[in-house]
Structure formats: structure tokens, C-alpha cells
Amino acid sequence: MSGCWVTQSLHPTYNFFAQILPIGILAALVYQRNGNLNIKYALIIAVGLIVGNFFGALFANQPFISSELMKKLYGIFVLMIGIRYLLSN
């Protein structure tokens, strides 16, 4: 997005704090109330996400990773996920 005041490396940070964290907590509370949340699996997934995000943030903030490269890597990732969905049963 041209003219955007947020660099590509900061997008995940703002996305996490503005959307994922509050919406995820509210959704988890609703699922828990309805008996549809397995706490053990949720904690395992949460630990995996924390570790993955930590190393992803370390990778994204390296001096050799430009905003342009981040956009391309993210585009490839989204494309791969899309192809996987199209080819799955």
C-alpha cells in the first residue's frame, strides 16, 4: 500500500494488538462457556504460536530483510495456503 505510515515489518504487531488478541480472547471465552474449548490443546497451540512469532519477529527485523522482501515472502505464503485449500478435498 503506497503512502502507508506503517512499514511491512510493523503490520503483524498492529494486527496482533488491534485484532487477534482482543477477538481471540473473546472468542475463547464464548467457546469455553459452550464447552467447546480443550484447554490442553489450546495451551499447546498458544505455546507454539508464541515461539513461532518470536522467531518470526527476529527474522523479520534482520537488516537484510527489506519491506519489499517481506511483502514477497508473505505473498508466496498466502499463495501456498490458497493452493493447498484448492487442492484439498
C-alpha atoms as a PDB file:
ATOM      1  CA  MET A   1       0.000   0.000   0.000  1.00  0.00           C
ATOM      2  CA  SER A   2       1.745   3.168  -1.085  1.00  0.00           C
ATOM      3  CA  GLY A   3       1.798   6.118   1.269  1.00  0.00           C
ATOM      4  CA  CYS A   4       1.067   3.934   4.287  1.00  0.00           C
ATOM      5  CA  TRP A   5       2.670   5.174   7.500  1.00  0.00           C
ATOM      6  CA  VAL A   6       3.222   1.650   8.833  1.00  0.00           C
ATOM      7  CA  THR A   7       6.119  -0.390   7.462  1.00  0.00           C
ATOM      8  CA  GLN A   8       5.622  -4.017   6.447  1.00  0.00           C
ATOM      9  CA  SER A   9       7.610  -5.218   9.446  1.00  0.00           C
ATOM     10  CA  LEU A  10       5.190  -3.458  11.841  1.00  0.00           C
ATOM     11  CA  HIS A  11       1.943  -4.774  10.294  1.00  0.00           C
ATOM     12  CA  PRO A  12       1.906  -8.045  12.286  1.00  0.00           C
ATOM     13  CA  THR A  13       2.436  -6.138  15.534  1.00  0.00           C
ATOM     14  CA  TYR A  14      -0.507  -3.800  14.978  1.00  0.00           C
ATOM     15  CA  ASN A  15      -2.644  -6.643  13.653  1.00  0.00           C
ATOM     16  CA  PHE A  16      -1.963  -8.701  16.769  1.00  0.00           C
ATOM     17  CA  PHE A  17      -2.755  -5.985  19.294  1.00  0.00           C
ATOM     18  CA  ALA A  18      -5.694  -4.460  17.411  1.00  0.00           C
ATOM     19  CA  GLN A  19      -7.487  -7.606  16.236  1.00  0.00           C
ATOM     20  CA  ILE A  20      -6.147 -11.006  17.129  1.00  0.00           C
ATOM     21  CA  LEU A  21      -5.585 -10.518  20.857  1.00  0.00           C
ATOM     22  CA  PRO A  22      -8.982  -8.989  21.811  1.00  0.00           C
ATOM     23  CA  ILE A  23     -11.033 -11.006  19.322  1.00  0.00           C
ATOM     24  CA  GLY A  24      -9.212 -14.231  20.195  1.00  0.00           C
ATOM     25  CA  ILE A  25      -9.793 -13.760  23.914  1.00  0.00           C
ATOM     26  CA  LEU A  26     -13.492 -13.016  23.409  1.00  0.00           C
ATOM     27  CA  ALA A  27     -13.923 -15.992  21.095  1.00  0.00           C
ATOM     28  CA  ALA A  28     -12.120 -18.294  23.526  1.00  0.00           C
ATOM     29  CA  LEU A  29     -14.443 -17.169  26.325  1.00  0.00           C
ATOM     30  CA  VAL A  30     -17.523 -17.938  24.214  1.00  0.00           C
ATOM     31  CA  TYR A  31     -16.180 -21.346  23.204  1.00  0.00           C
ATOM     32  CA  GLN A  32     -15.266 -22.103  26.833  1.00  0.00           C
ATOM     33  CA  ARG A  33     -18.753 -21.143  28.030  1.00  0.00           C
ATOM     34  CA  ASN A  34     -20.287 -23.507  25.494  1.00  0.00           C
ATOM     35  CA  GLY A  35     -17.926 -26.357  26.409  1.00  0.00           C
ATOM     36  CA  ASN A  36     -16.130 -26.305  23.055  1.00  0.00           C
ATOM     37  CA  LEU A  37     -12.624 -25.461  24.221  1.00  0.00           C
ATOM     38  CA  ASN A  38      -9.995 -28.028  25.116  1.00  0.00           C
ATOM     39  CA  ILE A  39      -7.648 -26.099  27.407  1.00  0.00           C
ATOM     40  CA  LYS A  40      -4.781 -28.596  26.997  1.00  0.00           C
ATOM     41  CA  TYR A  41      -4.733 -28.298  23.205  1.00  0.00           C
ATOM     42  CA  ALA A  42      -5.267 -24.537  23.368  1.00  0.00           C
ATOM     43  CA  LEU A  43      -2.213 -24.131  25.594  1.00  0.00           C
ATOM     44  CA  ILE A  44      -0.078 -26.310  23.314  1.00  0.00           C
ATOM     45  CA  ILE A  45      -1.131 -24.229  20.299  1.00  0.00           C
ATOM     46  CA  ALA A  46      -0.554 -20.981  22.247  1.00  0.00           C
ATOM     47  CA  VAL A  47       2.994 -22.009  23.157  1.00  0.00           C
ATOM     48  CA  GLY A  48       3.678 -22.916  19.532  1.00  0.00           C
ATOM     49  CA  LEU A  49       2.342 -19.558  18.361  1.00  0.00           C
ATOM     50  CA  ILE A  50       4.418 -17.654  20.904  1.00  0.00           C
ATOM     51  CA  VAL A  51       7.618 -19.468  19.899  1.00  0.00           C
ATOM     52  CA  GLY A  52       6.837 -19.136  16.179  1.00  0.00           C
ATOM     53  CA  ASN A  53       6.015 -15.436  16.486  1.00  0.00           C
ATOM     54  CA  PHE A  54       9.168 -14.794  18.476  1.00  0.00           C
ATOM     55  CA  PHE A  55      11.421 -16.366  15.864  1.00  0.00           C
ATOM     56  CA  GLY A  56       9.396 -14.818  13.045  1.00  0.00           C
ATOM     57  CA  ALA A  57       9.860 -11.380  14.581  1.00  0.00           C
ATOM     58  CA  LEU A  58      13.599 -11.994  14.950  1.00  0.00           C
ATOM     59  CA  PHE A  59      13.768 -13.000  11.283  1.00  0.00           C
ATOM     60  CA  ALA A  60      11.641 -10.070  10.066  1.00  0.00           C
ATOM     61  CA  ASN A  61      13.756  -7.498  11.886  1.00  0.00           C
ATOM     62  CA  GLN A  62      17.088  -8.508  10.364  1.00  0.00           C
ATOM     63  CA  PRO A  63      18.871  -5.766   8.422  1.00  0.00           C
ATOM     64  CA  PHE A  64      18.923  -7.870   5.241  1.00  0.00           C
ATOM     65  CA  ILE A  65      15.118  -8.270   5.244  1.00  0.00           C
ATOM     66  CA  SER A  66      13.618  -5.313   3.401  1.00  0.00           C
ATOM     67  CA  SER A  67       9.964  -4.309   3.390  1.00  0.00           C
ATOM     68  CA  GLU A  68       9.783  -5.376  -0.260  1.00  0.00           C
ATOM     69  CA  LEU A  69      11.148  -8.841   0.533  1.00  0.00           C
ATOM     70  CA  MET A  70       8.658  -9.214   3.404  1.00  0.00           C
ATOM     71  CA  LYS A  71       5.786  -8.413   1.032  1.00  0.00           C
ATOM     72  CA  LYS A  72       7.013 -11.013  -1.446  1.00  0.00           C
ATOM     73  CA  LEU A  73       7.540 -13.696   1.197  1.00  0.00           C
ATOM     74  CA  TYR A  74       4.072 -13.045   2.629  1.00  0.00           C
ATOM     75  CA  GLY A  75       2.551 -13.193  -0.853  1.00  0.00           C
ATOM     76  CA  ILE A  76       4.220 -16.545  -1.515  1.00  0.00           C
ATOM     77  CA  PHE A  77       2.965 -17.843   1.837  1.00  0.00           C
ATOM     78  CA  VAL A  78      -0.641 -16.769   1.132  1.00  0.00           C
ATOM     79  CA  LEU A  79      -0.443 -18.239  -2.375  1.00  0.00           C
ATOM     80  CA  MET A  80       0.782 -21.577  -0.997  1.00  0.00           C
ATOM     81  CA  ILE A  81      -2.068 -21.669   1.530  1.00  0.00           C
ATOM     82  CA  GLY A  82      -4.557 -20.868  -1.246  1.00  0.00           C
ATOM     83  CA  ILE A  83      -3.216 -23.649  -3.455  1.00  0.00           C
ATOM     84  CA  ARG A  84      -3.417 -26.067  -0.547  1.00  0.00           C
ATOM     85  CA  TYR A  85      -7.082 -25.172   0.021  1.00  0.00           C
ATOM     86  CA  LEU A  86      -7.864 -25.515  -3.680  1.00  0.00           C
ATOM     87  CA  LEU A  87      -6.244 -28.955  -3.910  1.00  0.00           C
ATOM     88  CA  SER A  88      -7.627 -30.407  -0.659  1.00  0.00           C
ATOM     89  CA  ASN A  89     -10.772 -32.481  -0.528  1.00  0.00           C
END
